[in-house]
Amino acid sequence: MNTNAFAIRHIGPREEDQNQMLKTIGIDSLDQLIYETVPDDIRLKNGLNLDKPMSEFEYSSHIHELSKQNKIYKTYIGLGYHPTILPAVIQRNILENPGWYTAYTPYQAEIAQGRLEALLNFQTMVTDLTGMEIANASLLDESTAAAEAMSLLFAVRERPQKKAGINKFFVSENTLPQTLSLLQTRAIPIGIELVIGNEDAFDFSSEYFGALLQYPGKNGQITDIKAFIEKAKTAQIKVAVAADILSLVKLEAPGKFGADVVVGTTQRFGIPMGYGGPHAAYFATKDAYKRDIPGRIIGVTKDLNGNRALRMALQTREQHIKRDRATSNICTAQVLLAVMAGMYAVYHGPKGLKFIANKVHNTTSSLASTLQELGYTQTNTSFFDTLEIKANAKKVKEIAEANEVNFFYPNTETVTISINETTSLNDINTIVSIFAKAINKDTIEINTISESNNISETHQRQSNFLTLDVFNSHHSETELMRYIKSLERKDLSLNHSMISLGSCTMKLNAASEMLPLSSPNWGNLHPFVPINQAKGYLTVLKALEDQLTEITGFAATSLQPNSGAQGEFAGLMVIKAYHESRNDQHRNICLIPSSAHGTNPASAVMAGMKVVVTKSTEEGNIDVNDLREKAELHKDNLAALMVTYPSTHGVYEASIKEITKIIHDNGGQVYMDGANMNAQVGLTNPGNIGADVCHLNLHKTFAIPHGGGGPGVGPICVAKQLVPFLPGNPIIKTGGENAITAISSAPYGSALACLISYGYIKMLGANGLTWSTKIAILNANYIKQRLEGSFDTLYSGERGRAAHEMIVDCRPFKANGIEVTDIAKRLMDYGFHAPTVSFPVAGTLMIEPTESESKAEMDRFCDAMISIRKEIDNASKEDTNNVLKNAPHTLAMLTANEWDFNYSRETAAFPLNYVKDNKFWPSVRRVDDAYGDRNLICTCAPIEDYIEA
């Protein structure tokens, strides 16, 4: 065995296991299985043209050498990104801990109480600091959060405003430039007219439904948002505020002034800049808008015993249920980063945050007075951490960069300086010396940082925040370490057992891929530094783009979209721009098969397209005749088809080339959803099947960990005709010659996370990637065969094979009184997270083992499923006191004095012998979703609030 080969570490089944699995399936070779699974006419004729694979040791050296090409200067650029101090206890116990980063989105609440509590802390932190009533569990970045705020305010316009077609949205010119660009991207398709101007000159006309203010502004000035909001309320204009979260420690909460929505980023709470991400945005609003708030909300409910339990609330708003009527297309949050930011607040507490905010403000004030003493003009009259200095920007920049210092230069006569928590006394003395040298004066040395207040009295914070015990109890490293561990023990992650989620590809996130994320050379780079300081990043990102372009068979790639849903939207916007360049502005019909992911129709609506749903056949395939009929019917206005391949039903549809030809013949472009790319890599590709653009879920196929619901990265790869329209950025040039406006805040989206996929491809190489795809198919078909006779597979390919996933039908068990949810909850007692429940077909489980799982682990899973099937056979509608209906079973149940169940404690907790060796205990009984929605509580509260009389 070549122990240097990364592929044998990534891929689960050993060679002898593969032979046994093939024998079980009843087939002679892996190549024969692939022949029977993947249609021959879409198979690649040649292998992938990629670099020779590296060993893990070689890659470690390689990525370290590249990191040294990044120049880590002292950076005071600001614009929503700041150097931070990540507490080591959070880095080691969360960021570097697979118990946190390999978890899935907490849809199965009973085995996710730890993450849910951490996210409830995050929501409480946000509501306290913003002064709002409700917050979600994070969004993708500040700019997309601002765009979501605009969309929400548009949706909740007053009835007379809707009737009158009021569609103007005012945006302060002092808003971050990347946010302005993204607002433009999102406004135009849904019919919002952006008006950018000076808020002091705004006339509060009845033509406006909403407005956005930056607090403090991009140049550092704290504008009078209180007066603006008061005037806006009188004119029935709703106001969103984009607020710096650290500044809210010293500035009064926008909610106290009557803001309708408050958004921002939590990057300042200990998260590395990472050349732009990932970082958790926050979104807070009024309780009245809870059914319109985008993203995920964590709520409090009770379990079967009436005990407090947490779960994801109001899920009926989500796109998988509402589809084209969803509040947003967002499928990925930034949970791992939100957990880290929330823990930063827990660790520091209100007193610690005040200390940090005061240090930042006092340092900024000392610098301001010293620069004024040198003779410079500082134009901000009220500021928190950012100064606007009138100076010869070219001269200052030349001296600053020679001293390895970065400022921001908005024009030739202005320099802005944003101070952060890492800024020391030596640092500001260096800054002063730079400005002194620029005007040939002797420097003035600052010896101490004195307390001062340059925040206008109107905006000084009066309200309390973070008063609950959780933010005032864990300030020593020992206490925080134990608190983090106590939450981790409540969560089932990949470090415990297989998570066989269909469509979500929970594969190994190798430690060698993850380690570079902890490196300061990768973490401490601002996304807007001059590009000559980011050579290491640009080398990796260009190589990753080239790798993905080769793998997909396309012409170019953009890494900017920072989630799969954003990738969908970006792909459609590029198609839209292409049609417009050909004077085909009228093309707005998007065909979407009924089996598509729920984000597809939601994304199409966001892109300003009209959704037309096409039928599926009884076999689960796209109904080609219905598709042809609708394509021809709408040929004059056809913009695109959105298709998932292999299909969401786990089948390689043999008619895919015919399907793409029909769309092209009728003037449309083909968008391929890349959720199932794990079944294509090295065997076929989107270009080969006739697609024009696809997004890729790097957090699925390309090994970025799910992190409990994020980070995700959703780059788009495009055919030649779409290359000119790839998305740009207002500060750093990216994208095509005719680039659409921004899709996310940073030029390259979540660049730090892209290192993981770069390493995954670099270490697997062409053969390893192709082998991974083949084994993913083998593993799925092995499970299909092992479950045969106990569970029916709903769909198969023409030769009876599954792709990399399959759907098992649980609807017949209704005759025994058993629902698919009961099976999902019972799997917890066996130590497994349920497969995907009731998607894309209600009453089913969609199973995807991935290539990373060993035969032994798959056998344990299959044994559990077969055992559950026997339990189903013993159940009846008449007797609901059975092991399935009562699942999951907690330790408290098993150790209680009373046992009122007609089966043994051993059957409940240890149904198979292997469970005894590695028992995972759900921390609560089955949660009551309906109760939680009826009694929505989305912030921490004293435990007494949940004790019923």
Foldseek 3Di string as FASTA:
>chain_A
DPPQFVLVQFFFADPVRLCVLCVLLPHHDLVVLCPLFFPPLFFDPDFFDDDDFGGLVVVLVVLVVLLVLFQQFAEFAPLFDDAAAQPVLCCVLFLLDQLQQFFAACQVFLLQQLLLVLLLLLFQQVCQLQVADTKASFAFFQLVLVLLVLLLLVVPFDPVCVVVVQAEEEEEPLHRQQSVLQNVQLRVLQPHHYDYYHLVPDPLDLSAQEYEEEAVGSQFAGDPVLVSCVSNVVSNHAYEYEYDRLCSLWWARVVVSPHAKYKHWLCQLNAFCLLPDRTTIMIGGHPVSVLLRDDWFKFWFAFPVLHIGIHTFPCCLALQNVQLNHSFLDQFGASSNSSSSSLSLLQQFSVNSNVLQQVQQLLQVVLVVQVVVLPWDWPHQAGRFKTKTFAQVVLLVVLQVVVRYYWDDPDRGITMGGGGSVQDLVNSQVVQCSSCVSVVHDGDRDDDRDGDHSHDPVTTYDDDGRPDVSSVPQNDSVSSSVSSVVSSLSHFGVVFAFAFAQLFASGDLDSSLSVVLPDCSSRHDHNQDPVSSVSSLVVLVVSLQVSVCSQAVADTKAQAAFALLLLLLLVLLLLCVLCVVVVLNQQAEEEEELQDRSSNSNSSVSSNHDYDYFYADQQRHTPQVRLLVVLVVCLSRHAEYEAEPVHSQQGHDPCLLVNLVSNVVSPYAYEYEASPVLLPGRTRHNVSSNHFKYWHWCCHNQNRRCSNRDRTTIMMGGHPSSQQADAAGPRDGDGHVNHRGHSDSGGNRNSSSSSSSSSSCSNCDRVSSVVQSSLLQSLQSSLVSLCPPLWDWSHGYPSRGGGSKTKTAQVVLVQLVDAPVLLQQQVVLLVYHFYDACHPHHRIGMGGRGSSHYPVSSVSVSVSSSLVSVQSVVGHSVDCLGLSNFGQDAPCQLPDPDPPGPDDSCCNRPVDPVCVVRPRGRPRTHTDNVSCNVVTDRHDDPSVVSDDD
